[in-house]
Amino acid sequence: MKKVFKIVITVILIALVIFPLGYFVIYPNYNKVIGPIKRFDIQRSAKELTFQILTQLVPTKDRVLGVALESPNHTSIEESIGKDTVLESKILEELETKILINSIEVDGAVYEGLDSHTMDKGFWHFPISSLPGQKGNIVIIGHRYLKLPPNKDTFFNLDKVKVGDRIEVAQSNASYTYIVTETKVVEKNDISVLADFSDWRITLITCEPLWSSNQRLVIVGKLDKLYKNT
């Protein structure tokens, strides 16, 4: 009986060591070990290289005009909404809008609101940005580590998105596909990423680096009627 008791105690002690080790050491490195293996795709790699070449040959409008990296008055993204902004309806929620990025297993609902607390529910459509399918800049902001994989309604793996990947905006009555053309890191008060560009684009924003909010990770995609994913 004493031998069985010792074995049970030993197993419990080992578990108390292994579980924290797995959560704090192994799990954060999931992206580095398992993620790349699951996401490896020769065809996708070829598309990424093609888009990198094309975007270098044909620079985006903001590069040509030299848009400043940071707002002169250091206005935060949330403060740029303005106190007079009114959200008359939640059309995106009514249309059951979702963001899907198959390459990193993202699948989550888009919510509307006038402050960043909206992100606690899911992906936040920045209220003064364009709507899916419209000309301009659709801005979607999301938490990175409020939820962790295998949950799909999180931008935890957004840094694994590659140029050429597809971002799908699915609604009950329509679907729009955007092709990733740029990934970058900006300062957290950089509001140039919110600009209403004269093209059809989507901008995804989350915290960077992982487990920190010092900067912002920004993914830019163009509507596939302009940038065909072939």
C-alpha atoms as a PDB file:
ATOM      1  CA  MET A   1       0.000   0.000   0.000  1.00  0.00           C
ATOM      2  CA  LYS A   2       2.858   2.352   0.868  1.00  0.00           C
ATOM      3  CA  LYS A   3       4.480   1.600  -2.509  1.00  0.00           C
ATOM      4  CA  VAL A   4       1.293   2.540  -4.371  1.00  0.00           C
ATOM      5  CA  PHE A   5       1.018   5.711  -2.306  1.00  0.00           C
ATOM      6  CA  LYS A   6       4.607   6.684  -3.169  1.00  0.00           C
ATOM      7  CA  ILE A   7       3.953   6.085  -6.870  1.00  0.00           C
ATOM      8  CA  VAL A   8       0.842   8.286  -6.795  1.00  0.00           C
ATOM      9  CA  ILE A   9       2.688  11.091  -4.995  1.00  0.00           C
ATOM     10  CA  THR A  10       5.577  10.834  -7.484  1.00  0.00           C
ATOM     11  CA  VAL A  11       3.198  11.078 -10.466  1.00  0.00           C
ATOM     12  CA  ILE A  12       1.473  14.108  -8.948  1.00  0.00           C
ATOM     13  CA  LEU A  13       4.800  15.862  -8.311  1.00  0.00           C
ATOM     14  CA  ILE A  14       5.982  15.172 -11.864  1.00  0.00           C
ATOM     15  CA  ALA A  15       2.684  16.506 -13.240  1.00  0.00           C
ATOM     16  CA  LEU A  16       3.047  19.683 -11.174  1.00  0.00           C
ATOM     17  CA  VAL A  17       6.398  20.264 -12.878  1.00  0.00           C
ATOM     18  CA  ILE A  18       5.495  19.185 -16.426  1.00  0.00           C
ATOM     19  CA  PHE A  19       2.188  21.076 -16.787  1.00  0.00           C
ATOM     20  CA  PRO A  20       3.610  24.558 -15.991  1.00  0.00           C
ATOM     21  CA  LEU A  21       6.643  23.750 -18.158  1.00  0.00           C
ATOM     22  CA  GLY A  22       4.395  22.819 -21.063  1.00  0.00           C
ATOM     23  CA  TYR A  23       2.218  25.911 -20.699  1.00  0.00           C
ATOM     24  CA  PHE A  24       4.953  28.501 -20.252  1.00  0.00           C
ATOM     25  CA  VAL A  25       7.750  26.994 -22.390  1.00  0.00           C
ATOM     26  CA  ILE A  26       6.406  24.550 -24.957  1.00  0.00           C
ATOM     27  CA  TYR A  27       3.054  26.191 -25.828  1.00  0.00           C
ATOM     28  CA  PRO A  28       4.458  29.672 -26.642  1.00  0.00           C
ATOM     29  CA  ASN A  29       6.832  27.978 -29.097  1.00  0.00           C
ATOM     30  CA  TYR A  30       3.988  26.150 -30.864  1.00  0.00           C
ATOM     31  CA  ASN A  31       4.201  28.567 -33.787  1.00  0.00           C
ATOM     32  CA  LYS A  32       7.924  27.918 -34.248  1.00  0.00           C
ATOM     33  CA  VAL A  33       7.666  24.128 -34.232  1.00  0.00           C
ATOM     34  CA  ILE A  34       4.230  22.794 -35.196  1.00  0.00           C
ATOM     35  CA  GLY A  35       2.755  25.828 -36.969  1.00  0.00           C
ATOM     36  CA  PRO A  36       5.265  26.012 -39.853  1.00  0.00           C
ATOM     37  CA  ILE A  37       4.921  22.277 -40.508  1.00  0.00           C
ATOM     38  CA  LYS A  38       1.128  22.522 -40.724  1.00  0.00           C
ATOM     39  CA  ARG A  39       1.246  25.645 -42.844  1.00  0.00           C
ATOM     40  CA  PHE A  40       3.979  24.610 -45.293  1.00  0.00           C
ATOM     41  CA  ASP A  41       2.705  24.743 -48.852  1.00  0.00           C
ATOM     42  CA  ILE A  42       4.946  24.836 -51.947  1.00  0.00           C
ATOM     43  CA  GLN A  43       2.305  26.559 -54.056  1.00  0.00           C
ATOM     44  CA  ARG A  44       1.756  29.203 -51.379  1.00  0.00           C
ATOM     45  CA  SER A  45       5.514  29.824 -51.116  1.00  0.00           C
ATOM     46  CA  ALA A  46       5.698  30.398 -54.867  1.00  0.00           C
ATOM     47  CA  LYS A  47       2.803  32.873 -54.674  1.00  0.00           C
ATOM     48  CA  GLU A  48       4.502  34.709 -51.822  1.00  0.00           C
ATOM     49  CA  LEU A  49       7.680  35.142 -53.856  1.00  0.00           C
ATOM     50  CA  THR A  50       5.684  36.340 -56.875  1.00  0.00           C
ATOM     51  CA  PHE A  51       3.809  38.962 -54.858  1.00  0.00           C
ATOM     52  CA  GLN A  52       6.996  40.182 -53.193  1.00  0.00           C
ATOM     53  CA  ILE A  53       8.503  40.789 -56.631  1.00  0.00           C
ATOM     54  CA  LEU A  54       5.362  42.480 -57.972  1.00  0.00           C
ATOM     55  CA  THR A  55       4.968  44.788 -54.978  1.00  0.00           C
ATOM     56  CA  GLN A  56       8.589  45.849 -55.295  1.00  0.00           C
ATOM     57  CA  LEU A  57       8.143  46.632 -58.991  1.00  0.00           C
ATOM     58  CA  VAL A  58       4.846  48.458 -58.391  1.00  0.00           C
ATOM     59  CA  PRO A  59       5.102  50.325 -55.040  1.00  0.00           C
ATOM     60  CA  THR A  60       1.951  51.130 -53.116  1.00  0.00           C
ATOM     61  CA  LYS A  61       0.488  54.611 -53.029  1.00  0.00           C
ATOM     62  CA  ASP A  62       1.616  55.329 -49.455  1.00  0.00           C
ATOM     63  CA  ARG A  63       5.228  54.516 -50.360  1.00  0.00           C
ATOM     64  CA  VAL A  64       5.108  56.820 -53.370  1.00  0.00           C
ATOM     65  CA  LEU A  65       3.644  59.718 -51.387  1.00  0.00           C
ATOM     66  CA  GLY A  66       5.840  59.071 -48.349  1.00  0.00           C
ATOM     67  CA  VAL A  67       3.142  58.861 -45.659  1.00  0.00           C
ATOM     68  CA  ALA A  68       4.640  59.603 -42.230  1.00  0.00           C
ATOM     69  CA  LEU A  69       5.117  56.626 -39.927  1.00  0.00           C
ATOM     70  CA  GLU A  70       3.763  58.366 -36.869  1.00  0.00           C
ATOM     71  CA  SER A  71       1.134  61.025 -36.318  1.00  0.00           C
ATOM     72  CA  PRO A  72       2.734  64.421 -35.488  1.00  0.00           C
ATOM     73  CA  ASN A  73       0.505  64.897 -32.431  1.00  0.00           C
ATOM     74  CA  HIS A  74       0.830  61.236 -31.317  1.00  0.00           C
ATOM     75  CA  THR A  75      -2.927  60.689 -31.430  1.00  0.00           C
ATOM     76  CA  SER A  76      -3.811  57.113 -30.543  1.00  0.00           C
ATOM     77  CA  ILE A  77      -5.828  54.918 -32.875  1.00  0.00           C
ATOM     78  CA  GLU A  78      -8.833  54.972 -30.551  1.00  0.00           C
ATOM     79  CA  GLU A  79      -8.656  58.751 -30.001  1.00  0.00           C
ATOM     80  CA  SER A  80      -8.817  59.284 -33.765  1.00  0.00           C
ATOM     81  CA  ILE A  81     -12.466  58.176 -33.763  1.00  0.00           C
ATOM     82  CA  GLY A  82     -13.648  61.528 -32.443  1.00  0.00           C
ATOM     83  CA  LYS A  83     -16.236  62.297 -29.770  1.00  0.00           C
ATOM     84  CA  ASP A  84     -18.900  63.239 -32.317  1.00  0.00           C
ATOM     85  CA  THR A  85     -18.825  59.873 -34.111  1.00  0.00           C
ATOM     86  CA  VAL A  86     -22.191  58.090 -34.020  1.00  0.00           C
ATOM     87  CA  LEU A  87     -22.802  54.437 -34.838  1.00  0.00           C
ATOM     88  CA  GLU A  88     -26.299  54.535 -36.288  1.00  0.00           C
ATOM     89  CA  SER A  89     -26.526  50.821 -37.036  1.00  0.00           C
ATOM     90  CA  LYS A  90     -24.474  47.652 -36.782  1.00  0.00           C
ATOM     91  CA  ILE A  91     -24.780  46.516 -40.363  1.00  0.00           C
ATOM     92  CA  LEU A  92     -21.777  44.188 -40.203  1.00  0.00           C
ATOM     93  CA  GLU A  93     -23.234  42.325 -37.256  1.00  0.00           C
ATOM     94  CA  GLU A  94     -26.621  42.164 -38.976  1.00  0.00           C
ATOM     95  CA  LEU A  95     -24.904  40.576 -41.992  1.00  0.00           C
ATOM     96  CA  GLU A  96     -23.069  38.104 -39.716  1.00  0.00           C
ATOM     97  CA  THR A  97     -19.687  39.300 -40.999  1.00  0.00           C
ATOM     98  CA  LYS A  98     -16.700  37.028 -40.372  1.00  0.00           C
ATOM     99  CA  ILE A  99     -12.957  37.190 -41.048  1.00  0.00           C
ATOM    100  CA  LEU A 100     -11.347  34.005 -42.361  1.00  0.00           C
ATOM    101  CA  ILE A 101      -7.623  33.454 -42.982  1.00  0.00           C
ATOM    102  CA  ASN A 102      -7.197  29.782 -43.810  1.00  0.00           C
ATOM    103  CA  SER A 103      -3.391  29.913 -43.869  1.00  0.00           C
ATOM    104  CA  ILE A 104      -3.299  30.581 -40.108  1.00  0.00           C
ATOM    105  CA  GLU A 105      -6.661  29.049 -39.146  1.00  0.00           C
ATOM    106  CA  VAL A 106      -8.425  32.318 -38.289  1.00  0.00           C
ATOM    107  CA  ASP A 107     -12.215  32.277 -38.296  1.00  0.00           C
ATOM    108  CA  GLY A 108     -14.092  34.830 -36.210  1.00  0.00           C
ATOM    109  CA  ALA A 109     -17.006  37.236 -36.124  1.00  0.00           C
ATOM    110  CA  VAL A 110     -16.651  40.982 -36.667  1.00  0.00           C
ATOM    111  CA  TYR A 111     -18.283  43.329 -34.143  1.00  0.00           C
ATOM    112  CA  GLU A 112     -19.007  47.045 -34.201  1.00  0.00           C
ATOM    113  CA  GLY A 113     -18.562  49.654 -31.497  1.00  0.00           C
ATOM    114  CA  LEU A 114     -17.047  53.037 -30.696  1.00  0.00           C
ATOM    115  CA  ASP A 115     -14.255  51.885 -28.389  1.00  0.00           C
ATOM    116  CA  SER A 116     -11.654  49.147 -28.106  1.00  0.00           C
ATOM    117  CA  HIS A 117     -13.705  47.180 -25.573  1.00  0.00           C
ATOM    118  CA  THR A 118     -15.537  45.825 -28.613  1.00  0.00           C
ATOM    119  CA  MET A 119     -12.493  43.572 -29.154  1.00  0.00           C
ATOM    120  CA  ASP A 120     -13.432  41.643 -26.027  1.00  0.00           C
ATOM    121  CA  LYS A 121     -16.263  40.120 -28.101  1.00  0.00           C
ATOM    122  CA  GLY A 122     -14.266  39.456 -31.262  1.00  0.00           C
ATOM    123  CA  PHE A 123     -12.678  41.289 -34.172  1.00  0.00           C
ATOM    124  CA  TRP A 124     -13.443  45.025 -34.099  1.00  0.00           C
ATOM    125  CA  HIS A 125     -14.389  46.933 -37.237  1.00  0.00           C
ATOM    126  CA  PHE A 126     -12.894  50.382 -36.782  1.00  0.00           C
ATOM    127  CA  PRO A 127     -16.036  52.560 -36.997  1.00  0.00           C
ATOM    128  CA  ILE A 128     -14.727  55.348 -39.248  1.00  0.00           C
ATOM    129  CA  SER A 129     -13.264  52.940 -41.823  1.00  0.00           C
ATOM    130  CA  SER A 130     -14.865  51.592 -44.991  1.00  0.00           C
ATOM    131  CA  LEU A 131     -17.152  48.565 -45.266  1.00  0.00           C
ATOM    132  CA  PRO A 132     -16.275  45.274 -47.009  1.00  0.00           C
ATOM    133  CA  GLY A 133     -16.327  45.534 -50.791  1.00  0.00           C
ATOM    134  CA  GLN A 134     -16.247  49.328 -50.732  1.00  0.00           C
ATOM    135  CA  LYS A 135     -13.494  51.508 -52.086  1.00  0.00           C
ATOM    136  CA  GLY A 136     -11.228  52.683 -49.292  1.00  0.00           C
ATOM    137  CA  ASN A 137      -9.649  51.116 -46.224  1.00  0.00           C
ATOM    138  CA  ILE A 138     -11.469  48.510 -44.124  1.00  0.00           C
ATOM    139  CA  VAL A 139      -9.749  48.391 -40.737  1.00  0.00           C
ATOM    140  CA  ILE A 140     -10.169  45.353 -38.499  1.00  0.00           C
ATOM    141  CA  ILE A 141      -8.460  45.308 -35.086  1.00  0.00           C
ATOM    142  CA  GLY A 142      -8.179  42.290 -32.821  1.00  0.00           C
ATOM    143  CA  HIS A 143      -6.599  40.988 -29.642  1.00  0.00           C
ATOM    144  CA  ARG A 144      -3.590  38.733 -29.993  1.00  0.00           C
ATOM    145  CA  TYR A 145      -3.483  36.816 -26.728  1.00  0.00           C
ATOM    146  CA  LEU A 146      -6.908  37.282 -25.101  1.00  0.00           C
ATOM    147  CA  LYS A 147      -7.662  33.924 -26.719  1.00  0.00           C
ATOM    148  CA  LEU A 148      -5.090  31.309 -27.679  1.00  0.00           C
ATOM    149  CA  PRO A 149      -5.091  28.556 -30.321  1.00  0.00           C
ATOM    150  CA  PRO A 150      -6.866  26.233 -30.941  1.00  0.00           C
ATOM    151  CA  ASN A 151      -9.420  29.073 -30.673  1.00  0.00           C
ATOM    152  CA  LYS A 152      -9.760  30.596 -34.138  1.00  0.00           C
ATOM    153  CA  ASP A 153     -11.223  34.013 -33.267  1.00  0.00           C
ATOM    154  CA  THR A 154      -7.837  35.478 -32.372  1.00  0.00           C
ATOM    155  CA  PHE A 155      -4.944  37.231 -34.138  1.00  0.00           C
ATOM    156  CA  PHE A 156      -2.420  35.181 -32.126  1.00  0.00           C
ATOM    157  CA  ASN A 157      -0.848  33.825 -35.327  1.00  0.00           C
ATOM    158  CA  LEU A 158      -1.181  36.982 -37.424  1.00  0.00           C
ATOM    159  CA  ASP A 159       2.599  37.333 -37.656  1.00  0.00           C
ATOM    160  CA  LYS A 160       2.617  34.091 -39.684  1.00  0.00           C
ATOM    161  CA  VAL A 161       0.586  35.631 -42.522  1.00  0.00           C
ATOM    162  CA  LYS A 162       2.567  35.851 -45.750  1.00  0.00           C
ATOM    163  CA  VAL A 163       2.355  38.054 -48.815  1.00  0.00           C
ATOM    164  CA  GLY A 164      -0.022  36.315 -51.236  1.00  0.00           C
ATOM    165  CA  ASP A 165      -2.248  34.800 -48.535  1.00  0.00           C
ATOM    166  CA  ARG A 166      -6.010  35.211 -48.774  1.00  0.00           C
ATOM    167  CA  ILE A 167      -8.131  37.177 -46.290  1.00  0.00           C
ATOM    168  CA  GLU A 168     -11.807  36.417 -46.775  1.00  0.00           C
ATOM    169  CA  VAL A 169     -14.594  38.625 -45.459  1.00  0.00           C
ATOM    170  CA  ALA A 170     -17.725  36.474 -45.437  1.00  0.00           C
ATOM    171  CA  GLN A 171     -21.234  37.846 -44.963  1.00  0.00           C
ATOM    172  CA  SER A 172     -24.697  36.348 -45.142  1.00  0.00           C
ATOM    173  CA  ASN A 173     -25.249  37.914 -48.572  1.00  0.00           C
ATOM    174  CA  ALA A 174     -21.732  38.299 -50.007  1.00  0.00           C
ATOM    175  CA  SER A 175     -18.080  37.321 -49.767  1.00  0.00           C
ATOM    176  CA  TYR A 176     -14.944  39.363 -50.505  1.00  0.00           C
ATOM    177  CA  THR A 177     -11.413  38.055 -50.885  1.00  0.00           C
ATOM    178  CA  TYR A 178      -8.381  40.246 -50.240  1.00  0.00           C
ATOM    179  CA  ILE A 179      -4.817  39.264 -51.139  1.00  0.00           C
ATOM    180  CA  VAL A 180      -2.060  40.142 -48.648  1.00  0.00           C
ATOM    181  CA  THR A 181       0.373  42.600 -50.257  1.00  0.00           C
ATOM    182  CA  GLU A 182       2.257  43.914 -47.223  1.00  0.00           C
ATOM    183  CA  THR A 183       3.146  43.073 -43.626  1.00  0.00           C
ATOM    184  CA  LYS A 184       4.796  45.591 -41.328  1.00  0.00           C
ATOM    185  CA  VAL A 185       5.306  46.707 -37.733  1.00  0.00           C
ATOM    186  CA  VAL A 186       4.486  50.292 -36.724  1.00  0.00           C
ATOM    187  CA  GLU A 187       4.450  52.341 -33.549  1.00  0.00           C
ATOM    188  CA  LYS A 188       1.279  52.011 -31.460  1.00  0.00           C
ATOM    189  CA  ASN A 189       0.241  55.632 -32.114  1.00  0.00           C
ATOM    190  CA  ASP A 190       0.762  55.404 -35.867  1.00  0.00           C
ATOM    191  CA  ILE A 191      -2.596  56.419 -37.360  1.00  0.00           C
ATOM    192  CA  SER A 192      -1.346  56.479 -40.943  1.00  0.00           C
ATOM    193  CA  VAL A 193      -2.557  52.858 -41.222  1.00  0.00           C
ATOM    194  CA  LEU A 194      -6.124  54.179 -40.810  1.00  0.00           C
ATOM    195  CA  ALA A 195      -5.909  56.480 -43.843  1.00  0.00           C
ATOM    196  CA  ASP A 196      -8.729  56.250 -46.387  1.00  0.00           C
ATOM    197  CA  PHE A 197      -6.642  55.173 -49.373  1.00  0.00           C
ATOM    198  CA  SER A 198      -8.064  55.485 -52.876  1.00  0.00           C
ATOM    199  CA  ASP A 199      -7.941  51.741 -53.504  1.00  0.00           C
ATOM    200  CA  TRP A 200      -9.844  48.691 -52.224  1.00  0.00           C
ATOM    201  CA  ARG A 201      -7.929  47.419 -49.199  1.00  0.00           C
ATOM    202  CA  ILE A 202      -8.274  45.755 -45.829  1.00  0.00           C
ATOM    203  CA  THR A 203      -5.967  46.482 -42.887  1.00  0.00           C
ATOM    204  CA  LEU A 204      -5.649  44.049 -39.975  1.00  0.00           C
ATOM    205  CA  ILE A 205      -4.062  45.341 -36.765  1.00  0.00           C
ATOM    206  CA  THR A 206      -2.955  43.637 -33.562  1.00  0.00           C
ATOM    207  CA  CYS A 207      -0.298  43.935 -30.848  1.00  0.00           C
ATOM    208  CA  GLU A 208       3.396  43.290 -31.503  1.00  0.00           C
ATOM    209  CA  PRO A 209       5.517  41.587 -30.307  1.00  0.00           C
ATOM    210  CA  LEU A 210       3.647  38.622 -28.845  1.00  0.00           C
ATOM    211  CA  TRP A 211       2.724  39.105 -25.154  1.00  0.00           C
ATOM    212  CA  SER A 212       3.352  42.840 -25.506  1.00  0.00           C
ATOM    213  CA  SER A 213       1.529  45.978 -26.701  1.00  0.00           C
ATOM    214  CA  ASN A 214       4.589  48.125 -27.433  1.00  0.00           C
ATOM    215  CA  GLN A 215       3.966  48.235 -31.191  1.00  0.00           C
ATOM    216  CA  ARG A 216       1.395  47.231 -33.774  1.00  0.00           C
ATOM    217  CA  LEU A 217       1.532  44.448 -36.355  1.00  0.00           C
ATOM    218  CA  VAL A 218      -0.206  45.535 -39.559  1.00  0.00           C
ATOM    219  CA  ILE A 219      -1.332  43.301 -42.436  1.00  0.00           C
ATOM    220  CA  VAL A 220      -2.519  44.977 -45.645  1.00  0.00           C
ATOM    221  CA  GLY A 221      -4.556  43.203 -48.324  1.00  0.00           C
ATOM    222  CA  LYS A 222      -6.024  44.335 -51.643  1.00  0.00           C
ATOM    223  CA  LEU A 223      -9.371  43.248 -53.066  1.00  0.00           C
ATOM    224  CA  ASP A 224      -8.728  40.399 -55.503  1.00  0.00           C
ATOM    225  CA  LYS A 225     -10.462  42.103 -58.418  1.00  0.00           C
ATOM    226  CA  LEU A 226      -7.300  44.238 -58.548  1.00  0.00           C
ATOM    227  CA  TYR A 227      -4.704  41.748 -57.273  1.00  0.00           C
ATOM    228  CA  LYS A 228      -5.567  38.337 -58.657  1.00  0.00           C
ATOM    229  CA  ASN A 229      -4.315  35.350 -56.672  1.00  0.00           C
ATOM    230  CA  THR A 230      -3.283  33.205 -59.642  1.00  0.00           C
END
